[in-house]
Full PDB file with SEQRES, HELIX, SHEET, SSBOND, CRYST1, ORIGX, SCALE, CONECT and MASTER records, all heavy atoms in Angstrom:
SEQRES   1 A   30  MET GLU LEU ILE SER LYS MET ILE GLY GLU LEU ILE LEU          
SEQRES   2 A   30  ASP ASN ASP SER VAL THR LEU PRO GLY VAL GLY CYS LEU          
SEQRES   3 A   30  ILE ALA VAL ARG                                              
HELIX    1 AA1 GLU A    2  ASP A   14  1                                  13    
SHEET    1 AA1 2 SER A  17  LEU A  20  0                                        
SHEET    2 AA1 2 GLY A  24  ILE A  27 -1                                        
CRYST1    1.000    1.000    1.000  90.00  90.00  90.00 P 1           1          
ORIGX1      1.000000  0.000000  0.000000        0.00000                         
ORIGX2      0.000000  1.000000  0.000000        0.00000                         
ORIGX3      0.000000  0.000000  1.000000        0.00000                         
SCALE1      1.000000  0.000000  0.000000        0.00000                         
SCALE2      0.000000  1.000000  0.000000        0.00000                         
SCALE3      0.000000  0.000000  1.000000        0.00000                         
ATOM      1  N   MET A   1       3.482 -11.823   4.146  1.00  0.00           N  
ATOM      2  CA  MET A   1       3.047 -10.444   3.908  1.00  0.00           C  
ATOM      3  C   MET A   1       4.163  -9.589   3.307  1.00  0.00           C  
ATOM      4  O   MET A   1       3.887  -8.703   2.505  1.00  0.00           O  
ATOM      5  CB  MET A   1       2.549  -9.806   5.208  1.00  0.00           C  
ATOM      6  CG  MET A   1       1.214 -10.342   5.671  1.00  0.00           C  
ATOM      7  SD  MET A   1      -0.100 -10.220   4.428  1.00  0.00           S  
ATOM      8  CE  MET A   1      -0.414  -8.484   4.417  1.00  0.00           C  
ATOM      9  N   GLU A   2       5.390  -9.830   3.681  1.00  0.00           N  
ATOM     10  CA  GLU A   2       6.508  -9.067   3.112  1.00  0.00           C  
ATOM     11  C   GLU A   2       6.585  -9.265   1.597  1.00  0.00           C  
ATOM     12  O   GLU A   2       6.725  -8.305   0.843  1.00  0.00           O  
ATOM     13  CB  GLU A   2       7.841  -9.505   3.745  1.00  0.00           C  
ATOM     14  CG  GLU A   2       7.986  -9.160   5.202  1.00  0.00           C  
ATOM     15  CD  GLU A   2       8.328  -7.704   5.429  1.00  0.00           C  
ATOM     16  OE1 GLU A   2       8.860  -7.047   4.514  1.00  0.00           O  
ATOM     17  OE2 GLU A   2       8.057  -7.228   6.539  1.00  0.00           O  
ATOM     18  N   LEU A   3       6.487 -10.512   1.165  1.00  0.00           N  
ATOM     19  CA  LEU A   3       6.585 -10.823  -0.258  1.00  0.00           C  
ATOM     20  C   LEU A   3       5.426 -10.244  -1.047  1.00  0.00           C  
ATOM     21  O   LEU A   3       5.624  -9.605  -2.075  1.00  0.00           O  
ATOM     22  CB  LEU A   3       6.670 -12.339  -0.473  1.00  0.00           C  
ATOM     23  CG  LEU A   3       6.687 -12.816  -1.929  1.00  0.00           C  
ATOM     24  CD1 LEU A   3       7.895 -12.247  -2.666  1.00  0.00           C  
ATOM     25  CD2 LEU A   3       6.686 -14.331  -1.993  1.00  0.00           C  
ATOM     26  N   ILE A   4       4.214 -10.452  -0.548  1.00  0.00           N  
ATOM     27  CA  ILE A   4       3.060  -9.947  -1.299  1.00  0.00           C  
ATOM     28  C   ILE A   4       3.047  -8.425  -1.313  1.00  0.00           C  
ATOM     29  O   ILE A   4       2.692  -7.804  -2.311  1.00  0.00           O  
ATOM     30  CB  ILE A   4       1.739 -10.543  -0.788  1.00  0.00           C  
ATOM     31  CG1 ILE A   4       0.677 -10.386  -1.862  1.00  0.00           C  
ATOM     32  CG2 ILE A   4       1.282  -9.910   0.493  1.00  0.00           C  
ATOM     33  CD1 ILE A   4      -0.387 -11.410  -1.854  1.00  0.00           C  
ATOM     34  N   SER A   5       3.487  -7.793  -0.226  1.00  0.00           N  
ATOM     35  CA  SER A   5       3.570  -6.330  -0.189  1.00  0.00           C  
ATOM     36  C   SER A   5       4.584  -5.819  -1.201  1.00  0.00           C  
ATOM     37  O   SER A   5       4.347  -4.821  -1.889  1.00  0.00           O  
ATOM     38  CB  SER A   5       3.960  -5.852   1.206  1.00  0.00           C  
ATOM     39  OG  SER A   5       2.942  -6.123   2.121  1.00  0.00           O  
ATOM     40  N   LYS A   6       5.707  -6.503  -1.292  1.00  0.00           N  
ATOM     41  CA  LYS A   6       6.746  -6.110  -2.251  1.00  0.00           C  
ATOM     42  C   LYS A   6       6.217  -6.233  -3.686  1.00  0.00           C  
ATOM     43  O   LYS A   6       6.421  -5.337  -4.505  1.00  0.00           O  
ATOM     44  CB  LYS A   6       7.985  -6.976  -2.062  1.00  0.00           C  
ATOM     45  CG  LYS A   6       9.128  -6.609  -2.964  1.00  0.00           C  
ATOM     46  CD  LYS A   6      10.337  -7.490  -2.723  1.00  0.00           C  
ATOM     47  CE  LYS A   6      11.423  -7.148  -3.727  1.00  0.00           C  
ATOM     48  NZ  LYS A   6      12.553  -8.043  -3.654  1.00  0.00           N  
ATOM     49  N   MET A   7       5.531  -7.331  -3.974  1.00  0.00           N  
ATOM     50  CA  MET A   7       4.988  -7.531  -5.319  1.00  0.00           C  
ATOM     51  C   MET A   7       3.926  -6.482  -5.646  1.00  0.00           C  
ATOM     52  O   MET A   7       3.927  -5.905  -6.737  1.00  0.00           O  
ATOM     53  CB  MET A   7       4.412  -8.946  -5.465  1.00  0.00           C  
ATOM     54  CG  MET A   7       5.468 -10.025  -5.465  1.00  0.00           C  
ATOM     55  SD  MET A   7       4.888 -11.681  -5.930  1.00  0.00           S  
ATOM     56  CE  MET A   7       3.433 -11.903  -4.972  1.00  0.00           C  
ATOM     57  N   ILE A   8       3.033  -6.213  -4.703  1.00  0.00           N  
ATOM     58  CA  ILE A   8       2.004  -5.203  -4.928  1.00  0.00           C  
ATOM     59  C   ILE A   8       2.651  -3.831  -5.119  1.00  0.00           C  
ATOM     60  O   ILE A   8       2.253  -3.075  -6.000  1.00  0.00           O  
ATOM     61  CB  ILE A   8       0.994  -5.176  -3.762  1.00  0.00           C  
ATOM     62  CG1 ILE A   8       0.177  -6.471  -3.739  1.00  0.00           C  
ATOM     63  CG2 ILE A   8       0.082  -3.956  -3.864  1.00  0.00           C  
ATOM     64  CD1 ILE A   8      -0.644  -6.656  -2.481  1.00  0.00           C  
ATOM     65  N   GLY A   9       3.654  -3.522  -4.311  1.00  0.00           N  
ATOM     66  CA  GLY A   9       4.354  -2.244  -4.433  1.00  0.00           C  
ATOM     67  C   GLY A   9       4.986  -2.062  -5.800  1.00  0.00           C  
ATOM     68  O   GLY A   9       4.919  -0.979  -6.392  1.00  0.00           O  
ATOM     69  N   GLU A  10       5.597  -3.110  -6.328  1.00  0.00           N  
ATOM     70  CA  GLU A  10       6.193  -3.047  -7.667  1.00  0.00           C  
ATOM     71  C   GLU A  10       5.123  -2.831  -8.736  1.00  0.00           C  
ATOM     72  O   GLU A  10       5.302  -2.035  -9.657  1.00  0.00           O  
ATOM     73  CB  GLU A  10       6.947  -4.337  -7.977  1.00  0.00           C  
ATOM     74  CG  GLU A  10       8.237  -4.514  -7.213  1.00  0.00           C  
ATOM     75  CD  GLU A  10       8.901  -5.852  -7.495  1.00  0.00           C  
ATOM     76  OE1 GLU A  10       8.630  -6.457  -8.553  1.00  0.00           O  
ATOM     77  OE2 GLU A  10       9.691  -6.304  -6.652  1.00  0.00           O  
ATOM     78  N   LEU A  11       4.016  -3.548  -8.600  1.00  0.00           N  
ATOM     79  CA  LEU A  11       2.962  -3.470  -9.611  1.00  0.00           C  
ATOM     80  C   LEU A  11       2.209  -2.141  -9.587  1.00  0.00           C  
ATOM     81  O   LEU A  11       1.863  -1.607 -10.623  1.00  0.00           O  
ATOM     82  CB  LEU A  11       1.982  -4.631  -9.431  1.00  0.00           C  
ATOM     83  CG  LEU A  11       2.532  -6.009  -9.758  1.00  0.00           C  
ATOM     84  CD1 LEU A  11       1.568  -7.090  -9.305  1.00  0.00           C  
ATOM     85  CD2 LEU A  11       2.831  -6.131 -11.246  1.00  0.00           C  
ATOM     86  N   ILE A  12       1.962  -1.606  -8.391  1.00  0.00           N  
ATOM     87  CA  ILE A  12       1.165  -0.386  -8.283  1.00  0.00           C  
ATOM     88  C   ILE A  12       1.923   0.830  -8.808  1.00  0.00           C  
ATOM     89  O   ILE A  12       1.307   1.836  -9.170  1.00  0.00           O  
ATOM     90  CB  ILE A  12       0.666  -0.172  -6.835  1.00  0.00           C  
ATOM     91  CG1 ILE A  12      -0.632   0.641  -6.809  1.00  0.00           C  
ATOM     92  CG2 ILE A  12       1.710   0.471  -5.965  1.00  0.00           C  
ATOM     93  CD1 ILE A  12      -1.840  -0.093  -7.209  1.00  0.00           C  
ATOM     94  N   LEU A  13       3.237   0.744  -8.895  1.00  0.00           N  
ATOM     95  CA  LEU A  13       4.017   1.852  -9.455  1.00  0.00           C  
ATOM     96  C   LEU A  13       3.705   2.076 -10.933  1.00  0.00           C  
ATOM     97  O   LEU A  13       3.689   3.211 -11.405  1.00  0.00           O  
ATOM     98  CB  LEU A  13       5.514   1.593  -9.291  1.00  0.00           C  
ATOM     99  CG  LEU A  13       6.073   1.717  -7.881  1.00  0.00           C  
ATOM    100  CD1 LEU A  13       7.543   1.305  -7.863  1.00  0.00           C  
ATOM    101  CD2 LEU A  13       5.895   3.121  -7.337  1.00  0.00           C  
ATOM    102  N   ASP A  14       3.464   0.997 -11.657  1.00  0.00           N  
ATOM    103  CA  ASP A  14       3.241   1.086 -13.100  1.00  0.00           C  
ATOM    104  C   ASP A  14       1.788   0.897 -13.528  1.00  0.00           C  
ATOM    105  O   ASP A  14       1.465   1.056 -14.699  1.00  0.00           O  
ATOM    106  CB  ASP A  14       4.096   0.037 -13.831  1.00  0.00           C  
ATOM    107  CG  ASP A  14       5.583   0.283 -13.644  1.00  0.00           C  
ATOM    108  OD1 ASP A  14       5.989   1.451 -13.570  1.00  0.00           O  
ATOM    109  OD2 ASP A  14       6.336  -0.706 -13.575  1.00  0.00           O  
ATOM    110  N   ASN A  15       0.923   0.536 -12.594  1.00  0.00           N  
ATOM    111  CA  ASN A  15      -0.471   0.251 -12.924  1.00  0.00           C  
ATOM    112  C   ASN A  15      -1.399   1.020 -11.987  1.00  0.00           C  
ATOM    113  O   ASN A  15      -1.043   1.310 -10.850  1.00  0.00           O  
ATOM    114  CB  ASN A  15      -0.747  -1.256 -12.781  1.00  0.00           C  
ATOM    115  CG  ASN A  15       0.151  -2.064 -13.687  1.00  0.00           C  
ATOM    116  OD1 ASN A  15      -0.109  -2.186 -14.863  1.00  0.00           O  
ATOM    117  ND2 ASN A  15       1.230  -2.603 -13.139  1.00  0.00           N  
ATOM    118  N   ASP A  16      -2.585   1.329 -12.465  1.00  0.00           N  
ATOM    119  CA  ASP A  16      -3.546   2.064 -11.647  1.00  0.00           C  
ATOM    120  C   ASP A  16      -4.317   1.176 -10.682  1.00  0.00           C  
ATOM    121  O   ASP A  16      -4.952   1.673  -9.766  1.00  0.00           O  
ATOM    122  CB  ASP A  16      -4.525   2.832 -12.537  1.00  0.00           C  
ATOM    123  CG  ASP A  16      -3.857   3.994 -13.252  1.00  0.00           C  
ATOM    124  OD1 ASP A  16      -2.863   4.529 -12.717  1.00  0.00           O  
ATOM    125  OD2 ASP A  16      -4.313   4.356 -14.342  1.00  0.00           O  
ATOM    126  N   SER A  17      -4.273  -0.139 -10.892  1.00  0.00           N  
ATOM    127  CA  SER A  17      -4.942  -1.050  -9.968  1.00  0.00           C  
ATOM    128  C   SER A  17      -4.267  -2.417 -10.002  1.00  0.00           C  
ATOM    129  O   SER A  17      -3.659  -2.797 -10.993  1.00  0.00           O  
ATOM    130  CB  SER A  17      -6.425  -1.191 -10.318  1.00  0.00           C  
ATOM    131  OG  SER A  17      -6.584  -1.839 -11.552  1.00  0.00           O  
ATOM    132  N   VAL A  18      -4.394  -3.122  -8.879  1.00  0.00           N  
ATOM    133  CA  VAL A  18      -3.872  -4.485  -8.755  1.00  0.00           C  
ATOM    134  C   VAL A  18      -4.939  -5.316  -8.058  1.00  0.00           C  
ATOM    135  O   VAL A  18      -5.387  -4.978  -6.962  1.00  0.00           O  
ATOM    136  CB  VAL A  18      -2.554  -4.525  -7.939  1.00  0.00           C  
ATOM    137  CG1 VAL A  18      -2.096  -5.960  -7.729  1.00  0.00           C  
ATOM    138  CG2 VAL A  18      -1.464  -3.703  -8.612  1.00  0.00           C  
ATOM    139  N   THR A  19      -5.349  -6.390  -8.714  1.00  0.00           N  
ATOM    140  CA  THR A  19      -6.367  -7.274  -8.155  1.00  0.00           C  
ATOM    141  C   THR A  19      -5.746  -8.241  -7.160  1.00  0.00           C  
ATOM    142  O   THR A  19      -4.709  -8.842  -7.425  1.00  0.00           O  
ATOM    143  CB  THR A  19      -7.065  -8.075  -9.275  1.00  0.00           C  
ATOM    144  OG1 THR A  19      -7.709  -7.150 -10.149  1.00  0.00           O  
ATOM    145  CG2 THR A  19      -8.080  -9.048  -8.726  1.00  0.00           C  
ATOM    146  N   LEU A  20      -6.410  -8.384  -6.003  1.00  0.00           N  
ATOM    147  CA  LEU A  20      -6.060  -9.394  -5.013  1.00  0.00           C  
ATOM    148  C   LEU A  20      -7.127 -10.474  -5.156  1.00  0.00           C  
ATOM    149  O   LEU A  20      -8.249 -10.301  -4.660  1.00  0.00           O  
ATOM    150  CB  LEU A  20      -6.063  -8.806  -3.599  1.00  0.00           C  
ATOM    151  CG  LEU A  20      -5.196  -7.572  -3.374  1.00  0.00           C  
ATOM    152  CD1 LEU A  20      -5.349  -7.073  -1.946  1.00  0.00           C  
ATOM    153  CD2 LEU A  20      -3.753  -7.867  -3.685  1.00  0.00           C  
ATOM    154  N   PRO A  21      -6.818 -11.573  -5.855  1.00  0.00           N  
ATOM    155  CA  PRO A  21      -7.835 -12.583  -6.165  1.00  0.00           C  
ATOM    156  C   PRO A  21      -8.588 -13.068  -4.929  1.00  0.00           C  
ATOM    157  O   PRO A  21      -7.997 -13.445  -3.928  1.00  0.00           O  
ATOM    158  CB  PRO A  21      -7.029 -13.730  -6.782  1.00  0.00           C  
ATOM    159  CG  PRO A  21      -5.793 -13.083  -7.310  1.00  0.00           C  
ATOM    160  CD  PRO A  21      -5.499 -11.951  -6.349  1.00  0.00           C  
ATOM    161  N   GLY A  22      -9.911 -13.014  -5.023  1.00  0.00           N  
ATOM    162  CA  GLY A  22     -10.762 -13.472  -3.936  1.00  0.00           C  
ATOM    163  C   GLY A  22     -10.956 -12.459  -2.825  1.00  0.00           C  
ATOM    164  O   GLY A  22     -11.722 -12.698  -1.892  1.00  0.00           O  
ATOM    165  N   VAL A  23     -10.287 -11.303  -2.895  1.00  0.00           N  
ATOM    166  CA  VAL A  23     -10.383 -10.303  -1.835  1.00  0.00           C  
ATOM    167  C   VAL A  23     -10.946  -8.990  -2.365  1.00  0.00           C  
ATOM    168  O   VAL A  23     -11.894  -8.445  -1.835  1.00  0.00           O  
ATOM    169  CB  VAL A  23      -9.003 -10.049  -1.176  1.00  0.00           C  
ATOM    170  CG1 VAL A  23      -9.092  -8.967  -0.122  1.00  0.00           C  
ATOM    171  CG2 VAL A  23      -8.447 -11.333  -0.580  1.00  0.00           C  
ATOM    172  N   GLY A  24     -10.341  -8.457  -3.409  1.00  0.00           N  
ATOM    173  CA  GLY A  24     -10.761  -7.174  -3.951  1.00  0.00           C  
ATOM    174  C   GLY A  24      -9.673  -6.580  -4.822  1.00  0.00           C  
ATOM    175  O   GLY A  24      -8.867  -7.301  -5.407  1.00  0.00           O  
ATOM    176  N   CYS A  25      -9.625  -5.270  -4.861  1.00  0.00           N  
ATOM    177  CA  CYS A  25      -8.712  -4.590  -5.768  1.00  0.00           C  
ATOM    178  C   CYS A  25      -8.121  -3.360  -5.079  1.00  0.00           C  
ATOM    179  O   CYS A  25      -8.840  -2.606  -4.416  1.00  0.00           O  
ATOM    180  CB  CYS A  25      -9.498  -4.180  -7.008  1.00  0.00           C  
ATOM    181  SG  CYS A  25      -8.505  -3.583  -8.351  1.00  0.00           S  
ATOM    182  N   LEU A  26      -6.815  -3.166  -5.212  1.00  0.00           N  
ATOM    183  CA  LEU A  26      -6.153  -1.954  -4.735  1.00  0.00           C  
ATOM    184  C   LEU A  26      -6.061  -0.995  -5.913  1.00  0.00           C  
ATOM    185  O   LEU A  26      -5.589  -1.372  -6.986  1.00  0.00           O  
ATOM    186  CB  LEU A  26      -4.767  -2.271  -4.186  1.00  0.00           C  
ATOM    187  CG  LEU A  26      -4.746  -3.124  -2.923  1.00  0.00           C  
ATOM    188  CD1 LEU A  26      -3.308  -3.500  -2.568  1.00  0.00           C  
ATOM    189  CD2 LEU A  26      -5.394  -2.398  -1.772  1.00  0.00           C  
ATOM    190  N   ILE A  27      -6.483   0.232  -5.691  1.00  0.00           N  
ATOM    191  CA  ILE A  27      -6.549   1.218  -6.757  1.00  0.00           C  
ATOM    192  C   ILE A  27      -5.707   2.430  -6.378  1.00  0.00           C  
ATOM    193  O   ILE A  27      -5.855   2.971  -5.277  1.00  0.00           O  
ATOM    194  CB  ILE A  27      -8.006   1.660  -6.996  1.00  0.00           C  
ATOM    195  CG1 ILE A  27      -8.861   0.441  -7.321  1.00  0.00           C  
ATOM    196  CG2 ILE A  27      -8.084   2.715  -8.085  1.00  0.00           C  
ATOM    197  CD1 ILE A  27     -10.334   0.674  -7.182  1.00  0.00           C  
ATOM    198  N   ALA A  28      -4.829   2.854  -7.280  1.00  0.00           N  
ATOM    199  CA  ALA A  28      -4.012   4.046  -7.065  1.00  0.00           C  
ATOM    200  C   ALA A  28      -4.683   5.229  -7.751  1.00  0.00           C  
ATOM    201  O   ALA A  28      -4.904   5.214  -8.954  1.00  0.00           O  
ATOM    202  CB  ALA A  28      -2.610   3.833  -7.618  1.00  0.00           C  
ATOM    203  N   VAL A  29      -5.023   6.228  -6.953  1.00  0.00           N  
ATOM    204  CA  VAL A  29      -5.706   7.419  -7.456  1.00  0.00           C  
ATOM    205  C   VAL A  29      -4.745   8.595  -7.394  1.00  0.00           C  
ATOM    206  O   VAL A  29      -4.124   8.845  -6.357  1.00  0.00           O  
ATOM    207  CB  VAL A  29      -6.962   7.728  -6.604  1.00  0.00           C  
ATOM    208  CG1 VAL A  29      -7.662   8.974  -7.102  1.00  0.00           C  
ATOM    209  CG2 VAL A  29      -7.900   6.539  -6.581  1.00  0.00           C  
ATOM    210  N   ARG A  30      -4.606   9.310  -8.493  1.00  0.00           N  
ATOM    211  CA  ARG A  30      -3.723  10.475  -8.531  1.00  0.00           C  
ATOM    212  C   ARG A  30      -4.361  11.631  -7.763  1.00  0.00           C  
ATOM    213  O   ARG A  30      -5.501  12.003  -8.017  1.00  0.00           O  
ATOM    214  CB  ARG A  30      -3.462  10.893  -9.966  1.00  0.00           C  
ATOM    215  CG  ARG A  30      -2.718   9.841 -10.746  1.00  0.00           C  
ATOM    216  CD  ARG A  30      -2.520  10.274 -12.198  1.00  0.00           C  
ATOM    217  NE  ARG A  30      -2.184   9.153 -13.036  1.00  0.00           N  
ATOM    218  CZ  ARG A  30      -0.959   8.656 -13.164  1.00  0.00           C  
ATOM    219  NH1 ARG A  30       0.035   9.193 -12.514  1.00  0.00           N  
ATOM    220  NH2 ARG A  30      -0.741   7.625 -13.950  1.00  0.00           N  
TER     221      ARG A  30                                                      
MASTER        0    0    0    1    2    0    0    6  220    1    0    3          
END                                                                             
């Protein structure tokens, strides 16, 4: 969980959404 959280955190800074394959999508809303 530490690694995947770190990767998602890096990606969500520059992108409005990050797909978690087979689970769903995290979306950053301003």
